[in-house]
Amino acid sequence: MNSEIQDYVRATARFLALPLDEAQVERVAVHLARTRSMVAALQAEPLHAEIEPAEVFCPAPFPPGDDPDAAAE
């Protein structure tokens, strides 16, 4: 296992006051290494903004009478 990732897990656990034994450090490091490899695969692909535009959040309007600020106007 990558000792750099294990060192990161230990340091982060200390910072967050999480008591991790070495077996737990190893398991967390395995998951982080897997995540790191998935990120590397995604970053290797040329994904341009026009390929898949982000959704724009548009909240639904509240029913009449639900907005207390509207009554003051």
PDB file of N, CA and C in Angstrom:
ATOM      1  N   MET A   1       0.850  -1.182   0.000  1.00  0.00           N
ATOM      2  CA  MET A   1       0.000   0.000   0.000  1.00  0.00           C
ATOM      3  C   MET A   1       0.889   1.235   0.000  1.00  0.00           C
ATOM      4  N   ASN A   2       0.392   2.269  -0.583  1.00  0.00           N
ATOM      5  CA  ASN A   2       1.115   3.532  -0.695  1.00  0.00           C
ATOM      6  C   ASN A   2       1.245   4.180   0.690  1.00  0.00           C
ATOM      7  N   SER A   3       2.489   4.325   1.146  1.00  0.00           N
ATOM      8  CA  SER A   3       2.696   4.898   2.487  1.00  0.00           C
ATOM      9  C   SER A   3       2.297   6.375   2.537  1.00  0.00           C
ATOM     10  N   GLU A   4       2.333   7.058   1.396  1.00  0.00           N
ATOM     11  CA  GLU A   4       1.906   8.463   1.358  1.00  0.00           C
ATOM     12  C   GLU A   4       0.418   8.572   1.710  1.00  0.00           C
ATOM     13  N   ILE A   5      -0.379   7.668   1.179  1.00  0.00           N
ATOM     14  CA  ILE A   5      -1.817   7.677   1.474  1.00  0.00           C
ATOM     15  C   ILE A   5      -2.055   7.311   2.934  1.00  0.00           C
ATOM     16  N   GLN A   6      -1.334   6.319   3.433  1.00  0.00           N
ATOM     17  CA  GLN A   6      -1.485   5.944   4.840  1.00  0.00           C
ATOM     18  C   GLN A   6      -1.081   7.083   5.763  1.00  0.00           C
ATOM     19  N   ASP A   7      -0.011   7.795   5.422  1.00  0.00           N
ATOM     20  CA  ASP A   7       0.392   8.957   6.215  1.00  0.00           C
ATOM     21  C   ASP A   7      -0.701  10.021   6.208  1.00  0.00           C
ATOM     22  N   TYR A   8      -1.321  10.220   5.056  1.00  0.00           N
ATOM     23  CA  TYR A   8      -2.408  11.189   4.949  1.00  0.00           C
ATOM     24  C   TYR A   8      -3.581  10.771   5.848  1.00  0.00           C
ATOM     25  N   VAL A   9      -3.924   9.484   5.813  1.00  0.00           N
ATOM     26  CA  VAL A   9      -5.032   8.978   6.636  1.00  0.00           C
ATOM     27  C   VAL A   9      -4.720   9.188   8.117  1.00  0.00           C
ATOM     28  N   ARG A  10      -3.505   8.854   8.520  1.00  0.00           N
ATOM     29  CA  ARG A  10      -3.126   9.032   9.930  1.00  0.00           C
ATOM     30  C   ARG A  10      -3.203  10.498  10.346  1.00  0.00           C
ATOM     31  N   ALA A  11      -2.667  11.384   9.513  1.00  0.00           N
ATOM     32  CA  ALA A  11      -2.663  12.811   9.837  1.00  0.00           C
ATOM     33  C   ALA A  11      -4.086  13.359   9.914  1.00  0.00           C
ATOM     34  N   THR A  12      -4.920  12.962   8.986  1.00  0.00           N
ATOM     35  CA  THR A  12      -6.300  13.431   8.977  1.00  0.00           C
ATOM     36  C   THR A  12      -7.061  12.899  10.182  1.00  0.00           C
ATOM     37  N   ALA A  13      -6.825  11.637  10.517  1.00  0.00           N
ATOM     38  CA  ALA A  13      -7.480  11.052  11.697  1.00  0.00           C
ATOM     39  C   ALA A  13      -7.060  11.785  12.964  1.00  0.00           C
ATOM     40  N   ARG A  14      -5.767  12.113  13.071  1.00  0.00           N
ATOM     41  CA  ARG A  14      -5.314  12.879  14.246  1.00  0.00           C
ATOM     42  C   ARG A  14      -5.980  14.243  14.286  1.00  0.00           C
ATOM     43  N   PHE A  15      -6.035  14.917  13.149  1.00  0.00           N
ATOM     44  CA  PHE A  15      -6.649  16.241  13.080  1.00  0.00           C
ATOM     45  C   PHE A  15      -8.114  16.199  13.506  1.00  0.00           C
ATOM     46  N   LEU A  16      -8.815  15.136  13.096  1.00  0.00           N
ATOM     47  CA  LEU A  16     -10.240  15.002  13.422  1.00  0.00           C
ATOM     48  C   LEU A  16     -10.489  14.281  14.746  1.00  0.00           C
ATOM     49  N   ALA A  17      -9.412  13.941  15.436  1.00  0.00           N
ATOM     50  CA  ALA A  17      -9.497  13.216  16.706  1.00  0.00           C
ATOM     51  C   ALA A  17     -10.242  11.888  16.551  1.00  0.00           C
ATOM     52  N   LEU A  18      -9.950  11.189  15.455  1.00  0.00           N
ATOM     53  CA  LEU A  18     -10.547   9.880  15.215  1.00  0.00           C
ATOM     54  C   LEU A  18      -9.533   8.806  15.591  1.00  0.00           C
ATOM     55  N   PRO A  19      -9.850   7.986  16.554  1.00  0.00           N
ATOM     56  CA  PRO A  19      -8.916   6.929  16.929  1.00  0.00           C
ATOM     57  C   PRO A  19      -8.970   5.771  15.931  1.00  0.00           C
ATOM     58  N   LEU A  20      -7.945   5.653  15.082  1.00  0.00           N
ATOM     59  CA  LEU A  20      -7.879   4.575  14.101  1.00  0.00           C
ATOM     60  C   LEU A  20      -6.701   3.669  14.424  1.00  0.00           C
ATOM     61  N   ASP A  21      -6.955   2.359  14.462  1.00  0.00           N
ATOM     62  CA  ASP A  21      -5.830   1.440  14.600  1.00  0.00           C
ATOM     63  C   ASP A  21      -5.238   1.197  13.200  1.00  0.00           C
ATOM     64  N   GLU A  22      -4.159   0.456  13.131  1.00  0.00           N
ATOM     65  CA  GLU A  22      -3.464   0.274  11.854  1.00  0.00           C
ATOM     66  C   GLU A  22      -4.311  -0.460  10.823  1.00  0.00           C
ATOM     67  N   ALA A  23      -5.147  -1.388  11.270  1.00  0.00           N
ATOM     68  CA  ALA A  23      -6.029  -2.097  10.326  1.00  0.00           C
ATOM     69  C   ALA A  23      -7.039  -1.127   9.707  1.00  0.00           C
ATOM     70  N   GLN A  24      -7.558  -0.218  10.520  1.00  0.00           N
ATOM     71  CA  GLN A  24      -8.501   0.776  10.005  1.00  0.00           C
ATOM     72  C   GLN A  24      -7.808   1.753   9.066  1.00  0.00           C
ATOM     73  N   VAL A  25      -6.590   2.161   9.419  1.00  0.00           N
ATOM     74  CA  VAL A  25      -5.820   3.049   8.541  1.00  0.00           C
ATOM     75  C   VAL A  25      -5.636   2.378   7.185  1.00  0.00           C
ATOM     76  N   GLU A  26      -5.303   1.103   7.192  1.00  0.00           N
ATOM     77  CA  GLU A  26      -5.097   0.356   5.950  1.00  0.00           C
ATOM     78  C   GLU A  26      -6.372   0.302   5.112  1.00  0.00           C
ATOM     79  N   ARG A  27      -7.506   0.025   5.747  1.00  0.00           N
ATOM     80  CA  ARG A  27      -8.778  -0.058   5.007  1.00  0.00           C
ATOM     81  C   ARG A  27      -9.157   1.295   4.407  1.00  0.00           C
ATOM     82  N   VAL A  28      -8.990   2.365   5.174  1.00  0.00           N
ATOM     83  CA  VAL A  28      -9.302   3.700   4.646  1.00  0.00           C
ATOM     84  C   VAL A  28      -8.351   4.033   3.498  1.00  0.00           C
ATOM     85  N   ALA A  29      -7.085   3.677   3.644  1.00  0.00           N
ATOM     86  CA  ALA A  29      -6.092   3.948   2.599  1.00  0.00           C
ATOM     87  C   ALA A  29      -6.423   3.192   1.314  1.00  0.00           C
ATOM     88  N   VAL A  30      -6.920   1.980   1.439  1.00  0.00           N
ATOM     89  CA  VAL A  30      -7.316   1.203   0.251  1.00  0.00           C
ATOM     90  C   VAL A  30      -8.430   1.931  -0.495  1.00  0.00           C
ATOM     91  N   HIS A  31      -9.423   2.431   0.233  1.00  0.00           N
ATOM     92  CA  HIS A  31     -10.529   3.153  -0.408  1.00  0.00           C
ATOM     93  C   HIS A  31     -10.042   4.457  -1.043  1.00  0.00           C
ATOM     94  N   LEU A  32      -9.163   5.177  -0.349  1.00  0.00           N
ATOM     95  CA  LEU A  32      -8.641   6.418  -0.934  1.00  0.00           C
ATOM     96  C   LEU A  32      -7.812   6.146  -2.178  1.00  0.00           C
ATOM     97  N   ALA A  33      -7.034   5.080  -2.162  1.00  0.00           N
ATOM     98  CA  ALA A  33      -6.235   4.723  -3.346  1.00  0.00           C
ATOM     99  C   ALA A  33      -7.152   4.391  -4.517  1.00  0.00           C
ATOM    100  N   ARG A  34      -8.241   3.683  -4.233  1.00  0.00           N
ATOM    101  CA  ARG A  34      -9.206   3.344  -5.290  1.00  0.00           C
ATOM    102  C   ARG A  34      -9.852   4.620  -5.835  1.00  0.00           C
ATOM    103  N   THR A  35     -10.226   5.519  -4.949  1.00  0.00           N
ATOM    104  CA  THR A  35     -10.818   6.789  -5.381  1.00  0.00           C
ATOM    105  C   THR A  35      -9.821   7.595  -6.207  1.00  0.00           C
ATOM    106  N   ARG A  36      -8.578   7.601  -5.764  1.00  0.00           N
ATOM    107  CA  ARG A  36      -7.536   8.327  -6.493  1.00  0.00           C
ATOM    108  C   ARG A  36      -7.374   7.788  -7.915  1.00  0.00           C
ATOM    109  N   SER A  37      -7.440   6.472  -8.079  1.00  0.00           N
ATOM    110  CA  SER A  37      -7.301   5.893  -9.420  1.00  0.00           C
ATOM    111  C   SER A  37      -8.514   6.223 -10.291  1.00  0.00           C
ATOM    112  N   MET A  38      -9.720   6.279  -9.691  1.00  0.00           N
ATOM    113  CA  MET A  38     -10.903   6.664 -10.462  1.00  0.00           C
ATOM    114  C   MET A  38     -10.806   8.117 -10.910  1.00  0.00           C
ATOM    115  N   VAL A  39     -10.305   8.975 -10.026  1.00  0.00           N
ATOM    116  CA  VAL A  39     -10.141  10.390 -10.370  1.00  0.00           C
ATOM    117  C   VAL A  39      -9.131  10.546 -11.503  1.00  0.00           C
ATOM    118  N   ALA A  40      -8.047   9.793 -11.436  1.00  0.00           N
ATOM    119  CA  ALA A  40      -7.026   9.866 -12.483  1.00  0.00           C
ATOM    120  C   ALA A  40      -7.615   9.464 -13.834  1.00  0.00           C
ATOM    121  N   ALA A  41      -8.451   8.431 -13.843  1.00  0.00           N
ATOM    122  CA  ALA A  41      -9.079   8.000 -15.096  1.00  0.00           C
ATOM    123  C   ALA A  41     -10.008   9.073 -15.641  1.00  0.00           C
ATOM    124  N   LEU A  42     -10.767   9.722 -14.766  1.00  0.00           N
ATOM    125  CA  LEU A  42     -11.666  10.788 -15.211  1.00  0.00           C
ATOM    126  C   LEU A  42     -10.902  12.009 -15.702  1.00  0.00           C
ATOM    127  N   GLN A  43      -9.829  12.351 -15.005  1.00  0.00           N
ATOM    128  CA  GLN A  43      -9.054  13.523 -15.411  1.00  0.00           C
ATOM    129  C   GLN A  43      -8.322  13.300 -16.725  1.00  0.00           C
ATOM    130  N   ALA A  44      -8.107  12.052 -17.094  1.00  0.00           N
ATOM    131  CA  ALA A  44      -7.412  11.754 -18.352  1.00  0.00           C
ATOM    132  C   ALA A  44      -8.309  11.972 -19.567  1.00  0.00           C
ATOM    133  N   GLU A  45      -9.607  12.021 -19.362  1.00  0.00           N
ATOM    134  CA  GLU A  45     -10.551  12.213 -20.457  1.00  0.00           C
ATOM    135  C   GLU A  45     -10.765  13.695 -20.737  1.00  0.00           C
ATOM    136  N   PRO A  46     -10.782  14.066 -22.012  1.00  0.00           N
ATOM    137  CA  PRO A  46     -11.052  15.475 -22.344  1.00  0.00           C
ATOM    138  C   PRO A  46     -12.554  15.768 -22.254  1.00  0.00           C
ATOM    139  N   LEU A  47     -13.000  16.272 -21.121  1.00  0.00           N
ATOM    140  CA  LEU A  47     -14.408  16.592 -20.928  1.00  0.00           C
ATOM    141  C   LEU A  47     -14.601  18.105 -21.021  1.00  0.00           C
ATOM    142  N   HIS A  48     -15.199  18.510 -22.100  1.00  0.00           N
ATOM    143  CA  HIS A  48     -15.432  19.937 -22.314  1.00  0.00           C
ATOM    144  C   HIS A  48     -16.838  20.310 -21.856  1.00  0.00           C
ATOM    145  N   ALA A  49     -17.037  21.551 -21.515  1.00  0.00           N
ATOM    146  CA  ALA A  49     -18.318  22.010 -20.967  1.00  0.00           C
ATOM    147  C   ALA A  49     -19.482  21.747 -21.917  1.00  0.00           C
ATOM    148  N   GLU A  50     -19.252  21.831 -23.215  1.00  0.00           N
ATOM    149  CA  GLU A  50     -20.352  21.642 -24.163  1.00  0.00           C
ATOM    150  C   GLU A  50     -20.766  20.170 -24.302  1.00  0.00           C
ATOM    151  N   ILE A  51     -19.962  19.255 -23.796  1.00  0.00           N
ATOM    152  CA  ILE A  51     -20.303  17.836 -23.884  1.00  0.00           C
ATOM    153  C   ILE A  51     -21.503  17.523 -23.002  1.00  0.00           C
ATOM    154  N   GLU A  52     -21.475  17.983 -21.776  1.00  0.00           N
ATOM    155  CA  GLU A  52     -22.590  17.746 -20.866  1.00  0.00           C
ATOM    156  C   GLU A  52     -22.760  18.968 -19.971  1.00  0.00           C
ATOM    157  N   PRO A  53     -23.610  19.902 -20.388  1.00  0.00           N
ATOM    158  CA  PRO A  53     -23.782  21.115 -19.585  1.00  0.00           C
ATOM    159  C   PRO A  53     -24.423  20.802 -18.234  1.00  0.00           C
ATOM    160  N   ALA A  54     -24.058  21.582 -17.269  1.00  0.00           N
ATOM    161  CA  ALA A  54     -24.613  21.415 -15.923  1.00  0.00           C
ATOM    162  C   ALA A  54     -26.063  21.865 -15.896  1.00  0.00           C
ATOM    163  N   GLU A  55     -26.825  21.241 -15.042  1.00  0.00           N
ATOM    164  CA  GLU A  55     -28.219  21.641 -14.848  1.00  0.00           C
ATOM    165  C   GLU A  55     -28.246  22.994 -14.131  1.00  0.00           C
ATOM    166  N   VAL A  56     -29.252  23.774 -14.411  1.00  0.00           N
ATOM    167  CA  VAL A  56     -29.452  25.037 -13.718  1.00  0.00           C
ATOM    168  C   VAL A  56     -30.616  24.834 -12.756  1.00  0.00           C
ATOM    169  N   PHE A  57     -30.362  25.088 -11.486  1.00  0.00           N
ATOM    170  CA  PHE A  57     -31.399  24.898 -10.476  1.00  0.00           C
ATOM    171  C   PHE A  57     -32.407  26.030 -10.543  1.00  0.00           C
ATOM    172  N   CYS A  58     -33.657  25.682 -10.743  1.00  0.00           N
ATOM    173  CA  CYS A  58     -34.760  26.653 -10.748  1.00  0.00           C
ATOM    174  C   CYS A  58     -35.806  26.155  -9.761  1.00  0.00           C
ATOM    175  N   PRO A  59     -35.856  26.736  -8.576  1.00  0.00           N
ATOM    176  CA  PRO A  59     -36.825  26.247  -7.589  1.00  0.00           C
ATOM    177  C   PRO A  59     -38.252  26.524  -8.043  1.00  0.00           C
ATOM    178  N   ALA A  60     -39.137  25.624  -7.675  1.00  0.00           N
ATOM    179  CA  ALA A  60     -40.548  25.802  -7.999  1.00  0.00           C
ATOM    180  C   ALA A  60     -41.100  26.955  -7.168  1.00  0.00           C
ATOM    181  N   PRO A  61     -42.026  27.721  -7.721  1.00  0.00           N
ATOM    182  CA  PRO A  61     -42.607  28.819  -6.938  1.00  0.00           C
ATOM    183  C   PRO A  61     -43.445  28.261  -5.790  1.00  0.00           C
ATOM    184  N   PHE A  62     -43.467  28.993  -4.702  1.00  0.00           N
ATOM    185  CA  PHE A  62     -44.285  28.591  -3.563  1.00  0.00           C
ATOM    186  C   PHE A  62     -45.741  28.876  -3.879  1.00  0.00           C
ATOM    187  N   PRO A  63     -46.637  28.078  -3.309  1.00  0.00           N
ATOM    188  CA  PRO A  63     -48.067  28.359  -3.510  1.00  0.00           C
ATOM    189  C   PRO A  63     -48.412  29.726  -2.903  1.00  0.00           C
ATOM    190  N   PRO A  64     -49.424  30.399  -3.415  1.00  0.00           N
ATOM    191  CA  PRO A  64     -49.813  31.693  -2.841  1.00  0.00           C
ATOM    192  C   PRO A  64     -50.123  31.553  -1.357  1.00  0.00           C
ATOM    193  N   GLY A  65     -49.682  32.543  -0.591  1.00  0.00           N
ATOM    194  CA  GLY A  65     -49.943  32.557   0.825  1.00  0.00           C
ATOM    195  C   GLY A  65     -48.844  31.922   1.666  1.00  0.00           C
ATOM    196  N   ASP A  66     -47.885  31.249   1.028  1.00  0.00           N
ATOM    197  CA  ASP A  66     -46.789  30.623   1.776  1.00  0.00           C
ATOM    198  C   ASP A  66     -45.633  31.578   2.059  1.00  0.00           C
ATOM    199  N   ASP A  67     -45.581  32.694   1.370  1.00  0.00           N
ATOM    200  CA  ASP A  67     -44.456  33.622   1.512  1.00  0.00           C
ATOM    201  C   ASP A  67     -44.871  34.776   2.425  1.00  0.00           C
ATOM    202  N   PRO A  68     -44.379  34.828   3.670  1.00  0.00           N
ATOM    203  CA  PRO A  68     -44.795  35.900   4.587  1.00  0.00           C
ATOM    204  C   PRO A  68     -44.317  37.268   4.123  1.00  0.00           C
ATOM    205  N   ASP A  69     -43.232  37.333   3.351  1.00  0.00           N
ATOM    206  CA  ASP A  69     -42.727  38.629   2.863  1.00  0.00           C
ATOM    207  C   ASP A  69     -43.645  39.203   1.785  1.00  0.00           C
ATOM    208  N   ALA A  70     -44.334  38.347   1.045  1.00  0.00           N
ATOM    209  CA  ALA A  70     -45.218  38.823  -0.030  1.00  0.00           C
ATOM    210  C   ALA A  70     -46.418  39.560   0.549  1.00  0.00           C
ATOM    211  N   ALA A  71     -46.862  39.200   1.750  1.00  0.00           N
ATOM    212  CA  ALA A  71     -48.018  39.857   2.370  1.00  0.00           C
ATOM    213  C   ALA A  71     -47.694  41.289   2.769  1.00  0.00           C
ATOM    214  N   ALA A  72     -46.416  41.565   3.036  1.00  0.00           N
ATOM    215  CA  ALA A  72     -46.029  42.914   3.462  1.00  0.00           C
ATOM    216  C   ALA A  72     -45.998  43.890   2.298  1.00  0.00           C
ATOM    217  N   GLU A  73     -45.953  43.373   1.085  1.00  0.00           N
ATOM    218  CA  GLU A  73     -45.857  44.271  -0.087  1.00  0.00           C
ATOM    219  C   GLU A  73     -47.188  44.838  -0.495  1.00  0.00           C
TER     220      GLU A  73
END
